[in-house]
Amino acid sequence: MPVRYPIQQLDIGGESTFGTAAGTFRYLRAMVVDIADLTKQVVRDEHARQGDYEVARLMQAYRGTVTTRHYLHGFNTSIPSSAPTQTSAEDAGASAFDNLIQAIGSAFGNVHVGGHSAADTVGYDASPPGITGVLSSFVPGQAIAWATAVTAWPYEVGWLKAINTGATPDEGALLQVPRVQPQGDTIWGAHTAFIRDGDPFHDGACKSWSLRLRGEAADHYYVALGCRPIGFKVSIPSAKQATIEITWGVAHVTRAGSGGGPLTAQSWAYPVPAAAAPWRVALGDSSPIELQVASVEFDLGLTRNAIEGGASQSGVEGWYTATRVPTVTMSVFRTYSREIADFAAQTGRPWTVHYGSQPGDLFSLCLPNARVVEDPKPTDGNGAVMSQLKLEGHYYAGDTGSLATTPYNSPARMAFL
């Protein structure tokens, strides 16, 4: 296990120019900030000399990676009364959550924000399974939440496949049959990060991030510049707090020699991280199986490489994304028996997980066309027979929509509602 430098506070700010320090920083709460891979590269000042002695080192690039781990939490301590919004990360008004959700959007490729209605009776349309109500502020592919009137399961999350605003009321087809039919008078939208080829999130706004890392002493002060996520994972243990892990590629580092600790305690305006209970882990569409699993591990499978060049301080002029291969791994009680046939036939089915107590603090992951890609061999789980399932998010074309700025037909999505 790497030794972690005693970083006590992480601040983040969006860069409007790649590699140029952010104008505004926001405190971002983190469980772990690992800077062990930040390195000042050196070479020997090699030359012919008359004795067997060592020589000075020549300073080179200062770069590497920073890994941060955060509890997964919502964005609003109260039930939202309007559609979620966001301020671009490089703007002075951007919040800590704006920076976090947009960093996740950078990792996935893009992020869509919006959707809310409190104007009509919410209902259920059985064929195809869907939600009815005012849906004009929603888009196909995004997550949507509704009330259930069930005390133990007061809110549920679904994923929209298509929207028909020509019907009365509007009709929205859902990716999976819900556990509880939509009802009430309000439906909530989401911050939805979704896979798109390349990096369309960075086309129009925030180019990268600056990470300010401060420790317990005055000289424990780093500013990592030109940062973008180059790895992203989510870990959701049953009935415990979920975490996200971001590995940041760093283009350059500055050290001021002062400005670190001791630091004052920072306030945090977001919901307290809640345990993932009760949750729904569902596989299938018209008759989804609710899987019994001990934990869910999601890896975006992000391969993002540096664009090398001599026009920058440490030789990194940007980042480009080569691939994203989203995977989910779970140990499933063998009461689910379809996994072997699904593996042999390479059958694709929608897979989702969601949990949370109320809108503003709901979370969901979605692979709309998940395939079992490894032989689900039986394993032992404290005497129970388990299957180790590995799912990948594959090509999907089941939504009706358009535009790269919306999550329609995306093979993997993550939402805060």
Protein backbone atom coordinates (compact mmCIF):
# COMPACT_ATOMS: atom_id res chain seq x y z
CA MET A 1 0.00 0.00 0.00
CA PRO A 2 1.49 3.39 -0.95
CA VAL A 3 2.49 5.86 1.72
CA ARG A 4 0.10 8.79 1.61
CA TYR A 5 1.51 12.25 2.14
CA PRO A 6 -0.48 13.93 4.91
CA ILE A 7 -2.76 16.06 2.75
CA GLN A 8 -5.45 17.55 4.97
CA GLN A 9 -7.44 19.61 2.49
CA LEU A 10 -8.34 19.34 -1.18
CA ASP A 11 -9.53 22.41 -3.09
CA ILE A 12 -10.64 22.30 -6.73
CA GLY A 13 -11.21 24.84 -9.48
CA GLY A 14 -12.00 24.64 -13.18
CA GLU A 15 -9.45 25.98 -15.68
CA SER A 16 -10.64 27.99 -18.67
CA THR A 17 -7.14 27.67 -20.19
CA PHE A 18 -5.44 24.28 -19.98
CA GLY A 19 -2.64 24.23 -17.42
CA THR A 20 -3.32 27.76 -16.13
CA ALA A 21 -4.31 27.91 -12.45
CA ALA A 22 -8.01 28.25 -11.73
CA GLY A 23 -9.21 31.68 -10.71
CA THR A 24 -11.50 30.29 -7.99
CA PHE A 25 -11.07 27.26 -5.74
CA ARG A 26 -13.73 25.39 -3.78
CA TYR A 27 -13.18 23.05 -0.85
CA LEU A 28 -13.96 19.46 -1.91
CA ARG A 29 -14.38 16.96 0.90
CA ALA A 30 -12.31 13.80 0.35
CA MET A 31 -11.66 10.66 2.38
CA VAL A 32 -8.24 10.09 0.83
CA VAL A 33 -5.91 12.28 -1.23
CA ASP A 34 -2.99 10.19 -2.49
CA ILE A 35 -0.12 12.15 -4.06
CA ALA A 36 2.46 9.35 -3.93
CA ASP A 37 2.72 9.33 -7.74
CA LEU A 38 3.48 13.04 -8.08
CA THR A 39 7.12 13.05 -9.14
CA LYS A 40 9.80 15.56 -10.03
CA GLN A 41 11.67 13.73 -12.75
CA VAL A 42 15.47 14.04 -12.78
CA VAL A 43 18.42 12.82 -14.85
CA ARG A 44 22.14 12.72 -14.03
CA ASP A 45 24.29 15.55 -15.38
CA GLU A 46 26.37 12.93 -17.13
CA HIS A 47 29.76 13.93 -18.60
CA ALA A 48 33.31 12.66 -18.94
CA ARG A 49 35.23 13.21 -15.69
CA GLN A 50 38.53 12.23 -14.04
CA GLY A 51 37.23 10.41 -11.02
CA ASP A 52 34.63 7.86 -9.93
CA TYR A 53 32.18 10.23 -8.33
CA GLU A 54 28.53 11.10 -8.75
CA VAL A 55 27.23 14.26 -10.35
CA ALA A 56 24.38 16.66 -9.84
CA ARG A 57 20.88 15.98 -11.14
CA LEU A 58 19.10 17.99 -13.80
CA MET A 59 15.52 18.93 -13.03
CA GLN A 60 12.88 17.84 -15.54
CA ALA A 61 9.08 17.55 -15.62
CA TYR A 62 7.03 17.62 -12.41
CA ARG A 63 3.88 15.63 -12.99
CA GLY A 64 2.16 12.31 -12.27
CA THR A 65 -1.22 11.40 -10.77
CA VAL A 66 -3.39 12.28 -7.79
CA THR A 67 -5.96 9.78 -6.52
CA THR A 68 -8.91 11.06 -4.52
CA ARG A 69 -11.62 9.03 -2.82
CA HIS A 70 -14.93 10.52 -1.76
CA TYR A 71 -18.10 9.32 -0.07
CA LEU A 72 -20.94 9.30 -2.57
CA HIS A 73 -23.61 11.77 -1.48
CA GLY A 74 -26.38 13.92 -2.87
CA PHE A 75 -26.45 17.55 -3.92
CA ASN A 76 -29.38 18.92 -1.90
CA THR A 77 -30.34 18.39 1.73
CA SER A 78 -33.97 19.30 0.90
CA ILE A 79 -36.29 17.85 -1.74
CA PRO A 80 -35.75 20.04 -4.83
CA SER A 81 -38.65 22.20 -5.93
CA SER A 82 -37.20 22.89 -9.39
CA ALA A 83 -34.97 21.33 -12.01
CA PRO A 84 -31.31 20.79 -11.09
CA THR A 85 -28.86 23.29 -12.56
CA GLN A 86 -25.12 23.66 -12.76
CA THR A 87 -22.57 26.43 -13.20
CA SER A 88 -19.62 25.69 -15.46
CA ALA A 89 -16.64 24.65 -13.34
CA GLU A 90 -14.35 27.46 -14.52
CA ASP A 91 -16.81 30.16 -13.45
CA ALA A 92 -16.41 31.92 -10.11
CA GLY A 93 -19.90 30.84 -9.02
CA ALA A 94 -19.28 27.11 -9.47
CA SER A 95 -19.86 25.06 -6.31
CA ALA A 96 -17.92 22.06 -5.05
CA PHE A 97 -20.65 19.77 -6.41
CA ASP A 98 -20.55 21.56 -9.79
CA ASN A 99 -16.85 20.70 -9.98
CA LEU A 100 -17.38 17.12 -8.83
CA ILE A 101 -20.26 16.23 -11.17
CA GLN A 102 -18.50 17.89 -14.09
CA ALA A 103 -15.31 15.97 -13.34
CA ILE A 104 -17.43 12.81 -13.46
CA GLY A 105 -18.92 14.09 -16.72
CA SER A 106 -15.41 14.61 -18.04
CA ALA A 107 -14.56 10.99 -17.19
CA PHE A 108 -17.70 9.66 -18.89
CA GLY A 109 -17.51 12.09 -21.82
CA ASN A 110 -20.41 14.42 -21.06
CA VAL A 111 -23.06 15.40 -18.51
CA HIS A 112 -26.68 16.49 -18.87
CA VAL A 113 -28.58 18.42 -16.20
CA GLY A 114 -32.33 19.07 -16.01
CA GLY A 115 -35.87 17.84 -15.59
CA HIS A 116 -38.62 18.66 -13.10
CA SER A 117 -42.39 18.82 -13.07
CA ALA A 118 -44.91 19.46 -10.34
CA ALA A 119 -47.75 20.41 -12.65
CA ASP A 120 -49.81 17.27 -13.13
CA THR A 121 -50.90 13.94 -11.70
CA VAL A 122 -48.14 11.38 -12.20
CA GLY A 123 -49.27 7.98 -13.44
CA TYR A 124 -48.18 4.66 -14.91
CA ASP A 125 -48.61 3.38 -18.44
CA ALA A 126 -48.29 -0.39 -18.56
CA SER A 127 -47.77 -0.86 -22.30
CA PRO A 128 -45.00 -0.09 -22.86
CA PRO A 129 -44.01 0.30 -19.22
CA GLY A 130 -43.72 4.02 -18.63
CA ILE A 131 -44.53 7.14 -16.69
CA THR A 132 -47.17 9.73 -17.52
CA GLY A 133 -47.16 13.40 -16.57
CA VAL A 134 -45.56 16.61 -17.82
CA LEU A 135 -42.27 15.52 -19.42
CA SER A 136 -41.35 18.50 -21.60
CA SER A 137 -38.26 19.31 -19.50
CA PHE A 138 -36.87 15.76 -19.70
CA VAL A 139 -34.87 14.04 -22.44
CA PRO A 140 -34.59 10.39 -23.51
CA GLY A 141 -31.75 8.53 -21.82
CA GLN A 142 -31.80 10.48 -18.57
CA ALA A 143 -32.69 9.31 -15.07
CA ILE A 144 -36.04 10.25 -13.57
CA ALA A 145 -37.46 9.86 -10.05
CA TRP A 146 -40.99 9.62 -8.67
CA ALA A 147 -42.87 9.09 -5.42
CA THR A 148 -44.26 5.67 -4.53
CA ALA A 149 -46.40 6.19 -1.39
CA VAL A 150 -44.61 3.13 0.09
CA THR A 151 -43.07 3.93 3.47
CA ALA A 152 -40.11 1.57 3.12
CA TRP A 153 -39.43 2.63 -0.48
CA PRO A 154 -40.70 6.23 -0.76
CA TYR A 155 -38.97 7.14 -4.06
CA GLU A 156 -37.88 5.16 -7.10
CA VAL A 157 -35.57 5.89 -10.03
CA GLY A 158 -36.12 4.90 -13.65
CA TRP A 159 -34.43 5.61 -16.98
CA LEU A 160 -36.33 7.16 -19.88
CA LYS A 161 -36.15 5.49 -23.32
CA ALA A 162 -38.50 7.79 -25.24
CA ILE A 163 -40.89 10.68 -24.63
CA ASN A 164 -44.19 11.34 -26.40
CA THR A 165 -45.31 14.90 -25.71
CA GLY A 166 -48.12 14.54 -28.26
CA ALA A 167 -50.13 12.38 -25.88
CA THR A 168 -52.35 13.73 -23.10
CA PRO A 169 -50.72 13.54 -20.63
CA ASP A 170 -47.14 13.10 -21.89
CA GLU A 171 -45.87 9.52 -21.98
CA GLY A 172 -42.35 8.40 -21.15
CA ALA A 173 -41.24 4.83 -21.88
CA LEU A 174 -39.02 3.34 -19.16
CA LEU A 175 -36.01 1.07 -19.60
CA GLN A 176 -37.26 -1.34 -16.90
CA VAL A 177 -40.60 -2.14 -15.30
CA PRO A 178 -40.52 -0.28 -11.98
CA ARG A 179 -40.83 -1.94 -8.60
CA VAL A 180 -43.61 0.51 -7.64
CA GLN A 181 -45.77 2.35 -10.14
CA PRO A 182 -45.18 6.13 -10.41
CA GLN A 183 -47.69 8.31 -8.57
CA GLY A 184 -48.01 11.66 -6.82
CA ASP A 185 -47.83 15.05 -8.53
CA THR A 186 -44.07 15.59 -8.98
CA ILE A 187 -41.29 14.02 -11.00
CA TRP A 188 -37.62 14.88 -10.55
CA GLY A 189 -34.76 15.10 -13.01
CA ALA A 190 -31.06 14.55 -12.58
CA HIS A 191 -27.42 15.31 -13.11
CA THR A 192 -26.68 12.50 -15.60
CA ALA A 193 -23.10 11.70 -16.62
CA PHE A 194 -23.01 9.52 -19.72
CA ILE A 195 -20.52 7.93 -22.08
CA ARG A 196 -19.82 9.69 -25.36
CA ASP A 197 -16.87 9.06 -27.65
CA GLY A 198 -13.99 11.45 -27.11
CA ASP A 199 -14.35 14.40 -24.75
CA PRO A 200 -17.34 16.51 -25.80
CA PHE A 201 -17.71 17.88 -22.27
CA HIS A 202 -14.55 19.93 -22.77
CA ASP A 203 -15.50 21.31 -26.19
CA GLY A 204 -17.19 24.44 -24.95
CA ALA A 205 -16.19 25.17 -21.38
CA CYS A 206 -13.88 23.88 -18.64
CA LYS A 207 -10.66 22.57 -20.19
CA SER A 208 -9.20 20.96 -17.06
CA TRP A 209 -8.93 21.38 -13.30
CA SER A 210 -6.48 22.77 -10.79
CA LEU A 211 -6.15 20.79 -7.55
CA ARG A 212 -4.81 22.62 -4.52
CA LEU A 213 -3.34 20.18 -2.02
CA ARG A 214 -2.47 21.40 1.47
CA GLY A 215 -1.04 19.47 4.40
CA GLU A 216 -0.26 19.91 8.06
CA ALA A 217 2.74 22.21 7.68
CA ALA A 218 3.25 25.49 5.84
CA ASP A 219 5.45 23.94 3.13
CA HIS A 220 2.96 21.14 2.47
CA TYR A 221 1.42 23.02 -0.44
CA TYR A 222 1.02 21.75 -3.99
CA VAL A 223 -1.02 23.01 -6.92
CA ALA A 224 -1.57 20.36 -9.58
CA LEU A 225 -2.41 21.94 -12.95
CA GLY A 226 -3.98 20.69 -16.16
CA CYS A 227 -5.75 17.84 -14.36
CA ARG A 228 -8.35 15.55 -15.88
CA PRO A 229 -9.74 12.24 -14.61
CA ILE A 230 -7.85 9.30 -16.14
CA GLY A 231 -9.60 6.67 -14.01
CA PHE A 232 -13.00 6.43 -12.32
CA LYS A 233 -14.55 3.78 -10.04
CA VAL A 234 -17.62 3.42 -7.83
CA SER A 235 -17.86 0.97 -4.93
CA ILE A 236 -21.28 0.31 -3.38
CA PRO A 237 -21.31 -2.15 -0.46
CA SER A 238 -24.72 -3.28 0.72
CA ALA A 239 -26.06 -1.18 3.62
CA LYS A 240 -22.84 0.84 3.84
CA GLN A 241 -21.70 4.16 2.42
CA ALA A 242 -20.69 4.06 -1.23
CA THR A 243 -17.47 5.68 -2.46
CA ILE A 244 -16.13 7.05 -5.71
CA GLU A 245 -12.46 7.05 -6.66
CA ILE A 246 -10.98 9.45 -9.21
CA THR A 247 -7.48 9.14 -10.56
CA TRP A 248 -6.39 12.52 -11.92
CA GLY A 249 -3.76 12.87 -14.59
CA VAL A 250 -1.56 15.86 -13.75
CA ALA A 251 0.11 18.00 -16.42
CA HIS A 252 2.28 20.12 -14.12
CA VAL A 253 2.84 20.88 -10.41
CA THR A 254 3.90 24.03 -8.61
CA ARG A 255 5.17 24.22 -5.01
CA ALA A 256 5.14 27.61 -3.32
CA GLY A 257 6.98 26.52 -0.16
CA SER A 258 4.34 28.14 2.02
CA GLY A 259 0.57 28.36 2.27
CA GLY A 260 -0.12 24.93 3.76
CA GLY A 261 -1.33 24.12 7.26
CA PRO A 262 -2.31 24.46 9.94
CA LEU A 263 -5.78 24.81 8.40
CA THR A 264 -9.18 25.73 9.77
CA ALA A 265 -12.12 23.34 9.55
CA GLN A 266 -14.24 23.77 6.43
CA SER A 267 -18.04 23.64 6.26
CA TRP A 268 -19.83 21.22 3.92
CA ALA A 269 -23.30 22.01 2.61
CA TYR A 270 -24.27 18.63 1.16
CA PRO A 271 -26.19 15.63 2.52
CA VAL A 272 -24.47 13.32 4.98
CA PRO A 273 -23.36 10.17 3.11
CA ALA A 274 -26.09 7.57 3.52
CA ALA A 275 -25.83 3.79 3.49
CA ALA A 276 -26.94 2.03 0.30
CA ALA A 277 -30.12 0.61 1.82
CA PRO A 278 -32.70 -0.11 0.71
CA TRP A 279 -31.44 -0.50 -2.83
CA ARG A 280 -32.63 -2.09 -6.06
CA VAL A 281 -30.19 -4.01 -8.26
CA ALA A 282 -32.20 -5.10 -11.30
CA LEU A 283 -31.33 -7.02 -14.50
CA GLY A 284 -33.81 -7.23 -17.36
CA ASP A 285 -36.54 -5.04 -18.85
CA SER A 286 -40.13 -6.36 -18.91
CA SER A 287 -39.55 -8.84 -16.07
CA PRO A 288 -36.42 -7.61 -14.32
CA ILE A 289 -34.73 -9.91 -11.81
CA GLU A 290 -33.93 -8.15 -8.53
CA LEU A 291 -30.48 -9.51 -7.75
CA GLN A 292 -29.33 -10.36 -4.23
CA VAL A 293 -25.78 -9.04 -4.06
CA ALA A 294 -23.38 -8.08 -1.30
CA SER A 295 -21.70 -5.26 -3.20
CA VAL A 296 -21.50 -3.57 -6.60
CA GLU A 297 -18.17 -2.51 -8.11
CA PHE A 298 -18.23 -0.23 -11.17
CA ASP A 299 -15.18 0.66 -13.24
CA LEU A 300 -15.55 3.08 -16.13
CA GLY A 301 -12.57 1.43 -17.84
CA LEU A 302 -11.23 4.82 -18.86
CA THR A 303 -8.04 5.01 -20.92
CA ARG A 304 -7.05 8.68 -21.19
CA ASN A 305 -3.54 9.56 -22.32
CA ALA A 306 -1.41 12.69 -22.26
CA ILE A 307 -0.83 14.73 -25.41
CA GLU A 308 2.92 15.23 -25.24
CA GLY A 309 4.53 18.45 -26.47
CA GLY A 310 7.13 21.05 -25.70
CA ALA A 311 4.85 24.07 -25.51
CA SER A 312 3.94 23.42 -21.86
CA GLN A 313 5.93 23.52 -18.62
CA SER A 314 6.12 19.76 -18.09
CA GLY A 315 5.49 18.46 -21.58
CA VAL A 316 1.72 17.79 -21.38
CA GLU A 317 -0.40 19.94 -23.68
CA GLY A 318 -3.70 18.14 -23.13
CA TRP A 319 -5.41 14.79 -22.73
CA TYR A 320 -7.22 12.53 -25.17
CA THR A 321 -9.52 9.63 -24.43
CA ALA A 322 -8.75 6.39 -26.23
CA THR A 323 -11.43 4.05 -24.80
CA ARG A 324 -14.06 3.57 -22.14
CA VAL A 325 -15.03 -0.02 -21.28
CA PRO A 326 -17.57 0.17 -18.42
CA THR A 327 -17.75 -2.95 -16.23
CA VAL A 328 -19.76 -4.03 -13.22
CA THR A 329 -18.70 -6.92 -10.98
CA MET A 330 -21.00 -8.52 -8.39
CA SER A 331 -21.21 -11.68 -6.32
CA VAL A 332 -24.79 -12.84 -6.86
CA PHE A 333 -26.69 -15.47 -4.89
CA ARG A 334 -27.27 -18.38 -7.22
CA THR A 335 -31.06 -17.99 -6.94
CA TYR A 336 -30.68 -16.12 -10.21
CA SER A 337 -30.14 -18.83 -12.82
CA ARG A 338 -30.17 -16.93 -16.12
CA GLU A 339 -26.52 -15.83 -15.97
CA ILE A 340 -25.13 -19.05 -17.47
CA ALA A 341 -27.50 -18.98 -20.45
CA ASP A 342 -26.95 -15.21 -20.85
CA PHE A 343 -23.20 -15.77 -20.94
CA ALA A 344 -23.39 -18.58 -23.50
CA ALA A 345 -25.74 -16.66 -25.80
CA GLN A 346 -24.19 -13.23 -25.07
CA THR A 347 -27.66 -11.90 -24.34
CA GLY A 348 -27.79 -8.22 -23.46
CA ARG A 349 -30.16 -6.96 -20.77
CA PRO A 350 -30.63 -3.62 -18.97
CA TRP A 351 -28.87 -3.46 -15.58
CA THR A 352 -29.43 -0.75 -12.99
CA VAL A 353 -28.79 0.00 -9.34
CA HIS A 354 -30.32 2.83 -7.35
CA TYR A 355 -30.83 3.89 -3.75
CA GLY A 356 -31.42 6.97 -1.61
CA SER A 357 -33.94 8.43 0.81
CA GLN A 358 -35.38 11.35 -1.20
CA PRO A 359 -34.80 13.52 -4.30
CA GLY A 360 -31.67 15.58 -3.89
CA ASP A 361 -30.00 12.52 -2.37
CA LEU A 362 -30.77 9.72 -4.86
CA PHE A 363 -28.17 7.86 -6.91
CA SER A 364 -28.29 5.45 -9.85
CA LEU A 365 -26.01 3.59 -12.29
CA CYS A 366 -27.27 2.19 -15.58
CA LEU A 367 -25.93 -0.16 -18.27
CA PRO A 368 -28.85 -0.36 -20.76
CA ASN A 369 -27.29 -3.29 -22.65
CA ALA A 370 -25.23 -5.32 -20.17
CA ARG A 371 -23.65 -8.62 -21.19
CA VAL A 372 -22.05 -11.27 -18.99
CA VAL A 373 -18.51 -11.40 -20.39
CA GLU A 374 -16.87 -14.01 -18.16
CA ASP A 375 -17.98 -17.52 -17.27
CA PRO A 376 -20.05 -17.08 -14.07
CA LYS A 377 -18.43 -19.84 -12.11
CA PRO A 378 -19.87 -20.78 -8.71
CA THR A 379 -18.02 -19.43 -5.71
CA ASP A 380 -18.44 -19.74 -1.95
CA GLY A 381 -20.08 -16.98 0.03
CA ASN A 382 -20.06 -18.00 3.70
CA GLY A 383 -21.50 -21.38 2.77
CA ALA A 384 -23.88 -20.06 0.11
CA VAL A 385 -23.41 -20.77 -3.59
CA MET A 386 -22.63 -17.52 -5.41
CA SER A 387 -21.97 -16.50 -9.00
CA GLN A 388 -19.23 -14.00 -9.71
CA LEU A 389 -20.79 -11.84 -12.43
CA LYS A 390 -18.84 -9.50 -14.65
CA LEU A 391 -21.02 -7.32 -16.85
CA GLU A 392 -19.90 -4.91 -19.58
CA GLY A 393 -21.91 -2.05 -21.02
CA HIS A 394 -22.15 -2.74 -24.75
CA TYR A 395 -23.55 -0.93 -27.79
CA TYR A 396 -27.11 0.22 -27.21
CA ALA A 397 -29.62 1.77 -29.63
CA GLY A 398 -32.94 1.44 -27.83
CA ASP A 399 -33.65 5.10 -27.06
CA THR A 400 -35.43 7.60 -29.26
CA GLY A 401 -33.59 10.91 -29.18
CA SER A 402 -30.79 12.97 -30.66
CA LEU A 403 -27.78 15.18 -29.94
CA ALA A 404 -24.46 14.33 -28.30
CA THR A 405 -25.36 16.63 -25.40
CA THR A 406 -28.09 14.24 -24.18
CA PRO A 407 -27.62 10.72 -22.81
CA TYR A 408 -29.76 8.87 -25.34
CA ASN A 409 -28.28 5.53 -26.51
CA SER A 410 -25.31 5.90 -24.17
CA PRO A 411 -23.89 2.51 -23.07
CA ALA A 412 -23.26 3.62 -19.45
CA ARG A 413 -24.73 6.37 -17.28
CA MET A 414 -24.52 7.64 -13.72
CA ALA A 415 -27.05 9.96 -12.13
CA PHE A 416 -27.57 12.10 -9.06
CA LEU A 417 -31.27 12.95 -8.63
